[in-house]
Amino acid sequence: AHSAVEGDWISALETACRKVIKKGESISYTE
Protein backbone atom coordinates (compact mmCIF):
# COMPACT_ATOMS: atom_id res chain seq x y z
CA ALA A 1 0.00 0.00 0.00
CA HIS A 2 2.88 2.38 0.74
CA SER A 3 4.76 1.76 -2.51
CA ALA A 4 4.20 3.16 -5.96
CA VAL A 5 3.64 -0.08 -7.84
CA GLU A 6 2.10 0.54 -11.23
CA GLY A 7 -0.22 -1.66 -13.26
CA ASP A 8 -1.72 -5.02 -12.32
CA TRP A 9 1.51 -6.35 -10.83
CA ILE A 10 0.02 -7.00 -7.35
CA SER A 11 -2.98 -8.85 -8.78
CA ALA A 12 -0.67 -10.98 -10.97
CA LEU A 13 1.54 -11.76 -7.95
CA GLU A 14 -1.54 -12.72 -5.88
CA THR A 15 -2.68 -15.04 -8.66
CA ALA A 16 0.77 -16.64 -8.82
CA CYS A 17 0.85 -17.08 -5.02
CA ARG A 18 -2.58 -18.73 -5.03
CA LYS A 19 -1.41 -21.10 -7.78
CA VAL A 20 1.69 -22.04 -5.74
CA ILE A 21 -0.41 -22.64 -2.62
CA LYS A 22 -2.93 -24.72 -4.55
CA LYS A 23 -0.38 -26.88 -6.43
CA GLY A 24 2.30 -26.93 -3.73
CA GLU A 25 5.04 -26.31 -6.33
CA SER A 26 7.54 -23.46 -6.40
CA ILE A 27 7.81 -21.18 -9.43
CA SER A 28 10.28 -18.57 -10.66
CA TYR A 29 9.96 -15.98 -13.38
CA THR A 30 11.46 -12.75 -14.62
CA GLU A 31 9.45 -9.63 -15.34
Full PDB file with SEQRES, HELIX, SHEET, SSBOND, CRYST1, ORIGX, SCALE, CONECT and MASTER records, all heavy atoms in Angstrom:
SEQRES   1 A   31  ALA HIS SER ALA VAL GLU GLY ASP TRP ILE SER ALA LEU          
SEQRES   2 A   31  GLU THR ALA CYS ARG LYS VAL ILE LYS LYS GLY GLU SER          
SEQRES   3 A   31  ILE SER TYR THR GLU                                          
HELIX    1 AA1 TRP A    9  LYS A   23  1                                  15    
CRYST1    1.000    1.000    1.000  90.00  90.00  90.00 P 1           1          
ORIGX1      1.000000  0.000000  0.000000        0.00000                         
ORIGX2      0.000000  1.000000  0.000000        0.00000                         
ORIGX3      0.000000  0.000000  1.000000        0.00000                         
SCALE1      1.000000  0.000000  0.000000        0.00000                         
SCALE2      0.000000  1.000000  0.000000        0.00000                         
SCALE3      0.000000  0.000000  1.000000        0.00000                         
ATOM      1  N   ALA A   1       0.821  -1.211   0.000  1.00  0.00           N  
ATOM      2  CA  ALA A   1       0.000   0.000   0.000  1.00  0.00           C  
ATOM      3  C   ALA A   1       0.857   1.264   0.000  1.00  0.00           C  
ATOM      4  O   ALA A   1       0.494   2.280  -0.587  1.00  0.00           O  
ATOM      5  CB  ALA A   1      -0.934  -0.002   1.205  1.00  0.00           C  
ATOM      6  N   HIS A   2       2.015   1.204   0.635  1.00  0.00           N  
ATOM      7  CA  HIS A   2       2.884   2.383   0.743  1.00  0.00           C  
ATOM      8  C   HIS A   2       3.759   2.607  -0.485  1.00  0.00           C  
ATOM      9  O   HIS A   2       4.369   3.656  -0.642  1.00  0.00           O  
ATOM     10  CB  HIS A   2       3.807   2.222   1.963  1.00  0.00           C  
ATOM     11  CG  HIS A   2       4.766   1.076   1.821  1.00  0.00           C  
ATOM     12  ND1 HIS A   2       4.377  -0.239   1.986  1.00  0.00           N  
ATOM     13  CD2 HIS A   2       6.074   1.045   1.463  1.00  0.00           C  
ATOM     14  CE1 HIS A   2       5.422  -1.022   1.766  1.00  0.00           C  
ATOM     15  NE2 HIS A   2       6.468  -0.264   1.463  1.00  0.00           N  
ATOM     16  N   SER A   3       3.844   1.639  -1.369  1.00  0.00           N  
ATOM     17  CA  SER A   3       4.761   1.762  -2.507  1.00  0.00           C  
ATOM     18  C   SER A   3       4.017   2.211  -3.763  1.00  0.00           C  
ATOM     19  O   SER A   3       2.799   2.136  -3.840  1.00  0.00           O  
ATOM     20  CB  SER A   3       5.467   0.435  -2.767  1.00  0.00           C  
ATOM     21  OG  SER A   3       4.531  -0.536  -3.159  1.00  0.00           O  
ATOM     22  N   ALA A   4       4.771   2.647  -4.713  1.00  0.00           N  
ATOM     23  CA  ALA A   4       4.201   3.160  -5.955  1.00  0.00           C  
ATOM     24  C   ALA A   4       4.298   2.102  -7.055  1.00  0.00           C  
ATOM     25  O   ALA A   4       4.933   2.308  -8.071  1.00  0.00           O  
ATOM     26  CB  ALA A   4       4.931   4.426  -6.370  1.00  0.00           C  
ATOM     27  N   VAL A   5       3.642   0.974  -6.836  1.00  0.00           N  
ATOM     28  CA  VAL A   5       3.639  -0.080  -7.838  1.00  0.00           C  
ATOM     29  C   VAL A   5       2.602   0.287  -8.889  1.00  0.00           C  
ATOM     30  O   VAL A   5       1.475   0.636  -8.567  1.00  0.00           O  
ATOM     31  CB  VAL A   5       3.297  -1.453  -7.214  1.00  0.00           C  
ATOM     32  CG1 VAL A   5       3.277  -2.524  -8.284  1.00  0.00           C  
ATOM     33  CG2 VAL A   5       4.295  -1.799  -6.141  1.00  0.00           C  
ATOM     34  N   GLU A   6       3.012   0.172 -10.155  1.00  0.00           N  
ATOM     35  CA  GLU A   6       2.104   0.535 -11.233  1.00  0.00           C  
ATOM     36  C   GLU A   6       1.565  -0.705 -11.937  1.00  0.00           C  
ATOM     37  O   GLU A   6       2.218  -1.728 -11.986  1.00  0.00           O  
ATOM     38  CB  GLU A   6       2.834   1.421 -12.246  1.00  0.00           C  
ATOM     39  CG  GLU A   6       3.295   2.732 -11.655  1.00  0.00           C  
ATOM     40  CD  GLU A   6       4.097   3.571 -12.628  1.00  0.00           C  
ATOM     41  OE1 GLU A   6       4.204   3.175 -13.814  1.00  0.00           O  
ATOM     42  OE2 GLU A   6       4.604   4.608 -12.198  1.00  0.00           O  
ATOM     43  N   GLY A   7       0.366  -0.590 -12.472  1.00  0.00           N  
ATOM     44  CA  GLY A   7      -0.217  -1.664 -13.259  1.00  0.00           C  
ATOM     45  C   GLY A   7      -0.848  -2.741 -12.393  1.00  0.00           C  
ATOM     46  O   GLY A   7      -1.145  -2.541 -11.219  1.00  0.00           O  
ATOM     47  N   ASP A   8      -1.053  -3.911 -12.988  1.00  0.00           N  
ATOM     48  CA  ASP A   8      -1.718  -5.022 -12.324  1.00  0.00           C  
ATOM     49  C   ASP A   8      -0.714  -5.982 -11.692  1.00  0.00           C  
ATOM     50  O   ASP A   8      -1.007  -7.156 -11.501  1.00  0.00           O  
ATOM     51  CB  ASP A   8      -2.588  -5.789 -13.335  1.00  0.00           C  
ATOM     52  CG  ASP A   8      -3.733  -4.935 -13.853  1.00  0.00           C  
ATOM     53  OD1 ASP A   8      -4.206  -4.080 -13.090  1.00  0.00           O  
ATOM     54  OD2 ASP A   8      -4.129  -5.132 -15.020  1.00  0.00           O  
ATOM     55  N   TRP A   9       0.462  -5.498 -11.356  1.00  0.00           N  
ATOM     56  CA  TRP A   9       1.514  -6.354 -10.833  1.00  0.00           C  
ATOM     57  C   TRP A   9       1.081  -7.076  -9.562  1.00  0.00           C  
ATOM     58  O   TRP A   9       1.307  -8.273  -9.414  1.00  0.00           O  
ATOM     59  CB  TRP A   9       2.778  -5.530 -10.571  1.00  0.00           C  
ATOM     60  CG  TRP A   9       3.844  -6.320  -9.915  1.00  0.00           C  
ATOM     61  CD1 TRP A   9       4.665  -7.226 -10.505  1.00  0.00           C  
ATOM     62  CD2 TRP A   9       4.190  -6.314  -8.531  1.00  0.00           C  
ATOM     63  NE1 TRP A   9       5.517  -7.782  -9.585  1.00  0.00           N  
ATOM     64  CE2 TRP A   9       5.234  -7.236  -8.348  1.00  0.00           C  
ATOM     65  CE3 TRP A   9       3.721  -5.621  -7.426  1.00  0.00           C  
ATOM     66  CZ2 TRP A   9       5.819  -7.479  -7.119  1.00  0.00           C  
ATOM     67  CZ3 TRP A   9       4.306  -5.848  -6.200  1.00  0.00           C  
ATOM     68  CH2 TRP A   9       5.341  -6.776  -6.052  1.00  0.00           C  
ATOM     69  N   ILE A  10       0.417  -6.374  -8.617  1.00  0.00           N  
ATOM     70  CA  ILE A  10       0.019  -6.998  -7.349  1.00  0.00           C  
ATOM     71  C   ILE A  10      -1.006  -8.098  -7.603  1.00  0.00           C  
ATOM     72  O   ILE A  10      -0.910  -9.192  -7.039  1.00  0.00           O  
ATOM     73  CB  ILE A  10      -0.515  -5.953  -6.347  1.00  0.00           C  
ATOM     74  CG1 ILE A  10       0.618  -4.998  -5.952  1.00  0.00           C  
ATOM     75  CG2 ILE A  10      -1.096  -6.626  -5.110  1.00  0.00           C  
ATOM     76  CD1 ILE A  10       0.181  -3.837  -5.082  1.00  0.00           C  
ATOM     77  N   SER A  11      -1.960  -7.832  -8.469  1.00  0.00           N  
ATOM     78  CA  SER A  11      -2.976  -8.848  -8.783  1.00  0.00           C  
ATOM     79  C   SER A  11      -2.334 -10.078  -9.427  1.00  0.00           C  
ATOM     80  O   SER A  11      -2.694 -11.217  -9.106  1.00  0.00           O  
ATOM     81  CB  SER A  11      -4.037  -8.273  -9.720  1.00  0.00           C  
ATOM     82  OG  SER A  11      -4.726  -7.214  -9.079  1.00  0.00           O  
ATOM     83  N   ALA A  12      -1.362  -9.853 -10.322  1.00  0.00           N  
ATOM     84  CA  ALA A  12      -0.666 -10.978 -10.966  1.00  0.00           C  
ATOM     85  C   ALA A  12       0.128 -11.773  -9.946  1.00  0.00           C  
ATOM     86  O   ALA A  12       0.151 -13.006  -9.982  1.00  0.00           O  
ATOM     87  CB  ALA A  12       0.252 -10.458 -12.078  1.00  0.00           C  
ATOM     88  N   LEU A  13       0.770 -11.079  -8.992  1.00  0.00           N  
ATOM     89  CA  LEU A  13       1.539 -11.761  -7.945  1.00  0.00           C  
ATOM     90  C   LEU A  13       0.598 -12.561  -7.044  1.00  0.00           C  
ATOM     91  O   LEU A  13       0.905 -13.697  -6.676  1.00  0.00           O  
ATOM     92  CB  LEU A  13       2.347 -10.749  -7.130  1.00  0.00           C  
ATOM     93  CG  LEU A  13       3.233 -11.319  -6.025  1.00  0.00           C  
ATOM     94  CD1 LEU A  13       4.259 -12.293  -6.590  1.00  0.00           C  
ATOM     95  CD2 LEU A  13       3.927 -10.191  -5.270  1.00  0.00           C  
ATOM     96  N   GLU A  14      -0.557 -11.984  -6.695  1.00  0.00           N  
ATOM     97  CA  GLU A  14      -1.541 -12.716  -5.882  1.00  0.00           C  
ATOM     98  C   GLU A  14      -1.991 -13.986  -6.591  1.00  0.00           C  
ATOM     99  O   GLU A  14      -2.089 -15.051  -5.975  1.00  0.00           O  
ATOM    100  CB  GLU A  14      -2.754 -11.833  -5.589  1.00  0.00           C  
ATOM    101  CG  GLU A  14      -2.561 -10.866  -4.467  1.00  0.00           C  
ATOM    102  CD  GLU A  14      -3.821 -10.069  -4.189  1.00  0.00           C  
ATOM    103  OE1 GLU A  14      -4.624  -9.828  -5.127  1.00  0.00           O  
ATOM    104  OE2 GLU A  14      -4.008  -9.681  -3.026  1.00  0.00           O  
ATOM    105  N   THR A  15      -2.249 -13.875  -7.875  1.00  0.00           N  
ATOM    106  CA  THR A  15      -2.682 -15.039  -8.657  1.00  0.00           C  
ATOM    107  C   THR A  15      -1.591 -16.111  -8.653  1.00  0.00           C  
ATOM    108  O   THR A  15      -1.876 -17.298  -8.460  1.00  0.00           O  
ATOM    109  CB  THR A  15      -3.017 -14.622 -10.105  1.00  0.00           C  
ATOM    110  OG1 THR A  15      -4.050 -13.632 -10.073  1.00  0.00           O  
ATOM    111  CG2 THR A  15      -3.449 -15.807 -10.943  1.00  0.00           C  
ATOM    112  N   ALA A  16      -0.352 -15.690  -8.835  1.00  0.00           N  
ATOM    113  CA  ALA A  16       0.767 -16.640  -8.821  1.00  0.00           C  
ATOM    114  C   ALA A  16       0.911 -17.296  -7.448  1.00  0.00           C  
ATOM    115  O   ALA A  16       1.141 -18.510  -7.347  1.00  0.00           O  
ATOM    116  CB  ALA A  16       2.059 -15.929  -9.222  1.00  0.00           C  
ATOM    117  N   CYS A  17       0.758 -16.526  -6.376  1.00  0.00           N  
ATOM    118  CA  CYS A  17       0.852 -17.076  -5.017  1.00  0.00           C  
ATOM    119  C   CYS A  17      -0.258 -18.096  -4.759  1.00  0.00           C  
ATOM    120  O   CYS A  17      -0.008 -19.162  -4.184  1.00  0.00           O  
ATOM    121  CB  CYS A  17       0.794 -15.955  -3.971  1.00  0.00           C  
ATOM    122  SG  CYS A  17       2.315 -14.980  -3.870  1.00  0.00           S  
ATOM    123  N   ARG A  18      -1.466 -17.775  -5.202  1.00  0.00           N  
ATOM    124  CA  ARG A  18      -2.579 -18.728  -5.033  1.00  0.00           C  
ATOM    125  C   ARG A  18      -2.296 -20.032  -5.777  1.00  0.00           C  
ATOM    126  O   ARG A  18      -2.586 -21.123  -5.275  1.00  0.00           O  
ATOM    127  CB  ARG A  18      -3.881 -18.105  -5.534  1.00  0.00           C  
ATOM    128  CG  ARG A  18      -4.482 -17.120  -4.575  1.00  0.00           C  
ATOM    129  CD  ARG A  18      -5.912 -16.734  -4.989  1.00  0.00           C  
ATOM    130  NE  ARG A  18      -6.301 -15.518  -4.299  1.00  0.00           N  
ATOM    131  CZ  ARG A  18      -6.254 -14.297  -4.827  1.00  0.00           C  
ATOM    132  NH1 ARG A  18      -5.890 -14.127  -6.079  1.00  0.00           N  
ATOM    133  NH2 ARG A  18      -6.611 -13.243  -4.127  1.00  0.00           N  
ATOM    134  N   LYS A  19      -1.741 -19.918  -6.975  1.00  0.00           N  
ATOM    135  CA  LYS A  19      -1.410 -21.096  -7.777  1.00  0.00           C  
ATOM    136  C   LYS A  19      -0.363 -21.955  -7.052  1.00  0.00           C  
ATOM    137  O   LYS A  19      -0.482 -23.183  -7.004  1.00  0.00           O  
ATOM    138  CB  LYS A  19      -0.880 -20.641  -9.142  1.00  0.00           C  
ATOM    139  CG  LYS A  19      -0.549 -21.748 -10.101  1.00  0.00           C  
ATOM    140  CD  LYS A  19      -0.076 -21.152 -11.433  1.00  0.00           C  
ATOM    141  CE  LYS A  19       0.390 -22.233 -12.373  1.00  0.00           C  
ATOM    142  NZ  LYS A  19       0.903 -21.677 -13.635  1.00  0.00           N  
ATOM    143  N   VAL A  20       0.644 -21.309  -6.471  1.00  0.00           N  
ATOM    144  CA  VAL A  20       1.690 -22.038  -5.737  1.00  0.00           C  
ATOM    145  C   VAL A  20       1.090 -22.731  -4.522  1.00  0.00           C  
ATOM    146  O   VAL A  20       1.401 -23.894  -4.230  1.00  0.00           O  
ATOM    147  CB  VAL A  20       2.834 -21.071  -5.326  1.00  0.00           C  
ATOM    148  CG1 VAL A  20       3.736 -21.689  -4.274  1.00  0.00           C  
ATOM    149  CG2 VAL A  20       3.641 -20.664  -6.552  1.00  0.00           C  
ATOM    150  N   ILE A  21       0.228 -22.041  -3.806  1.00  0.00           N  
ATOM    151  CA  ILE A  21      -0.410 -22.637  -2.621  1.00  0.00           C  
ATOM    152  C   ILE A  21      -1.269 -23.834  -3.033  1.00  0.00           C  
ATOM    153  O   ILE A  21      -1.228 -24.890  -2.399  1.00  0.00           O  
ATOM    154  CB  ILE A  21      -1.250 -21.582  -1.862  1.00  0.00           C  
ATOM    155  CG1 ILE A  21      -0.338 -20.499  -1.273  1.00  0.00           C  
ATOM    156  CG2 ILE A  21      -2.072 -22.242  -0.750  1.00  0.00           C  
ATOM    157  CD1 ILE A  21      -1.079 -19.262  -0.770  1.00  0.00           C  
ATOM    158  N   LYS A  22      -2.045 -23.660  -4.107  1.00  0.00           N  
ATOM    159  CA  LYS A  22      -2.932 -24.722  -4.555  1.00  0.00           C  
ATOM    160  C   LYS A  22      -2.159 -25.956  -5.031  1.00  0.00           C  
ATOM    161  O   LYS A  22      -2.470 -27.077  -4.642  1.00  0.00           O  
ATOM    162  CB  LYS A  22      -3.825 -24.202  -5.686  1.00  0.00           C  
ATOM    163  CG  LYS A  22      -4.833 -25.215  -6.184  1.00  0.00           C  
ATOM    164  CD  LYS A  22      -5.710 -24.614  -7.270  1.00  0.00           C  
ATOM    165  CE  LYS A  22      -6.706 -25.641  -7.770  1.00  0.00           C  
ATOM    166  NZ  LYS A  22      -7.532 -25.115  -8.845  1.00  0.00           N  
ATOM    167  N   LYS A  23      -1.133 -25.762  -5.853  1.00  0.00           N  
ATOM    168  CA  LYS A  23      -0.384 -26.880  -6.426  1.00  0.00           C  
ATOM    169  C   LYS A  23       0.735 -27.384  -5.518  1.00  0.00           C  
ATOM    170  O   LYS A  23       1.210 -28.505  -5.674  1.00  0.00           O  
ATOM    171  CB  LYS A  23       0.209 -26.495  -7.776  1.00  0.00           C  
ATOM    172  CG  LYS A  23      -0.842 -26.305  -8.851  1.00  0.00           C  
ATOM    173  CD  LYS A  23      -0.192 -26.128 -10.204  1.00  0.00           C  
ATOM    174  CE  LYS A  23      -1.257 -26.112 -11.290  1.00  0.00           C  
ATOM    175  NZ  LYS A  23      -0.671 -26.095 -12.616  1.00  0.00           N  
ATOM    176  N   GLY A  24       1.204 -26.534  -4.618  1.00  0.00           N  
ATOM    177  CA  GLY A  24       2.301 -26.934  -3.732  1.00  0.00           C  
ATOM    178  C   GLY A  24       3.652 -26.990  -4.419  1.00  0.00           C  
ATOM    179  O   GLY A  24       4.572 -27.635  -3.939  1.00  0.00           O  
ATOM    180  N   GLU A  25       3.789 -26.318  -5.567  1.00  0.00           N  
ATOM    181  CA  GLU A  25       5.042 -26.314  -6.327  1.00  0.00           C  
ATOM    182  C   GLU A  25       5.582 -24.898  -6.442  1.00  0.00           C  
ATOM    183  O   GLU A  25       4.838 -23.958  -6.688  1.00  0.00           O  
ATOM    184  CB  GLU A  25       4.811 -26.873  -7.732  1.00  0.00           C  
ATOM    185  CG  GLU A  25       4.344 -28.314  -7.739  1.00  0.00           C  
ATOM    186  CD  GLU A  25       3.970 -28.801  -9.131  1.00  0.00           C  
ATOM    187  OE1 GLU A  25       4.090 -28.013 -10.102  1.00  0.00           O  
ATOM    188  OE2 GLU A  25       3.560 -29.966  -9.246  1.00  0.00           O  
ATOM    189  N   SER A  26       6.890 -24.769  -6.275  1.00  0.00           N  
ATOM    190  CA  SER A  26       7.543 -23.464  -6.400  1.00  0.00           C  
ATOM    191  C   SER A  26       7.614 -23.038  -7.859  1.00  0.00           C  
ATOM    192  O   SER A  26       7.668 -23.881  -8.759  1.00  0.00           O  
ATOM    193  CB  SER A  26       8.957 -23.521  -5.831  1.00  0.00           C  
ATOM    194  OG  SER A  26       8.930 -23.851  -4.464  1.00  0.00           O  
ATOM    195  N   ILE A  27       7.635 -21.721  -8.084  1.00  0.00           N  
ATOM    196  CA  ILE A  27       7.811 -21.178  -9.433  1.00  0.00           C  
ATOM    197  C   ILE A  27       8.791 -20.014  -9.369  1.00  0.00           C  
ATOM    198  O   ILE A  27       8.987 -19.406  -8.311  1.00  0.00           O  
ATOM    199  CB  ILE A  27       6.474 -20.711 -10.066  1.00  0.00           C  
ATOM    200  CG1 ILE A  27       5.823 -19.601  -9.231  1.00  0.00           C  
ATOM    201  CG2 ILE A  27       5.529 -21.868 -10.266  1.00  0.00           C  
ATOM    202  CD1 ILE A  27       4.646 -18.932  -9.931  1.00  0.00           C  
ATOM    203  N   SER A  28       9.397 -19.728 -10.510  1.00  0.00           N  
ATOM    204  CA  SER A  28      10.281 -18.568 -10.655  1.00  0.00           C  
ATOM    205  C   SER A  28      10.046 -17.963 -12.025  1.00  0.00           C  
ATOM    206  O   SER A  28       9.815 -18.685 -12.993  1.00  0.00           O  
ATOM    207  CB  SER A  28      11.745 -18.967 -10.536  1.00  0.00           C  
ATOM    208  OG  SER A  28      12.049 -19.361  -9.231  1.00  0.00           O  
ATOM    209  N   TYR A  29      10.110 -16.654 -12.093  1.00  0.00           N  
ATOM    210  CA  TYR A  29       9.958 -15.983 -13.385  1.00  0.00           C  
ATOM    211  C   TYR A  29      10.610 -14.607 -13.317  1.00  0.00           C  
ATOM    212  O   TYR A  29      10.891 -14.085 -12.246  1.00  0.00           O  
ATOM    213  CB  TYR A  29       8.477 -15.862 -13.782  1.00  0.00           C  
ATOM    214  CG  TYR A  29       7.594 -15.199 -12.750  1.00  0.00           C  
ATOM    215  CD1 TYR A  29       7.366 -13.824 -12.788  1.00  0.00           C  
ATOM    216  CD2 TYR A  29       6.985 -15.935 -11.740  1.00  0.00           C  
ATOM    217  CE1 TYR A  29       6.559 -13.206 -11.846  1.00  0.00           C  
ATOM    218  CE2 TYR A  29       6.181 -15.325 -10.799  1.00  0.00           C  
ATOM    219  CZ  TYR A  29       5.962 -13.964 -10.855  1.00  0.00           C  
ATOM    220  OH  TYR A  29       5.166 -13.364  -9.918  1.00  0.00           O  
ATOM    221  N   THR A  30      10.867 -14.065 -14.500  1.00  0.00           N  
ATOM    222  CA  THR A  30      11.462 -12.746 -14.621  1.00  0.00           C  
ATOM    223  C   THR A  30      10.444 -11.830 -15.274  1.00  0.00           C  
ATOM    224  O   THR A  30       9.737 -12.234 -16.193  1.00  0.00           O  
ATOM    225  CB  THR A  30      12.735 -12.819 -15.485  1.00  0.00           C  
ATOM    226  OG1 THR A  30      13.636 -13.744 -14.886  1.00  0.00           O  
ATOM    227  CG2 THR A  30      13.413 -11.475 -15.591  1.00  0.00           C  
ATOM    228  N   GLU A  31      10.385 -10.595 -14.770  1.00  0.00           N  
ATOM    229  CA  GLU A  31       9.453  -9.633 -15.344  1.00  0.00           C  
ATOM    230  C   GLU A  31       9.978  -8.218 -15.147  1.00  0.00           C  
ATOM    231  O   GLU A  31      10.842  -7.979 -14.299  1.00  0.00           O  
ATOM    232  CB  GLU A  31       8.073  -9.771 -14.703  1.00  0.00           C  
ATOM    233  CG  GLU A  31       8.051  -9.469 -13.216  1.00  0.00           C  
ATOM    234  CD  GLU A  31       6.704  -9.750 -12.564  1.00  0.00           C  
ATOM    235  OE1 GLU A  31       5.686  -9.713 -13.257  1.00  0.00           O  
ATOM    236  OE2 GLU A  31       6.694  -9.991 -11.364  1.00  0.00           O  
TER     237      GLU A  31                                                      
MASTER        0    0    0    1    0    0    0    6  236    1    0    3          
END                                                                             
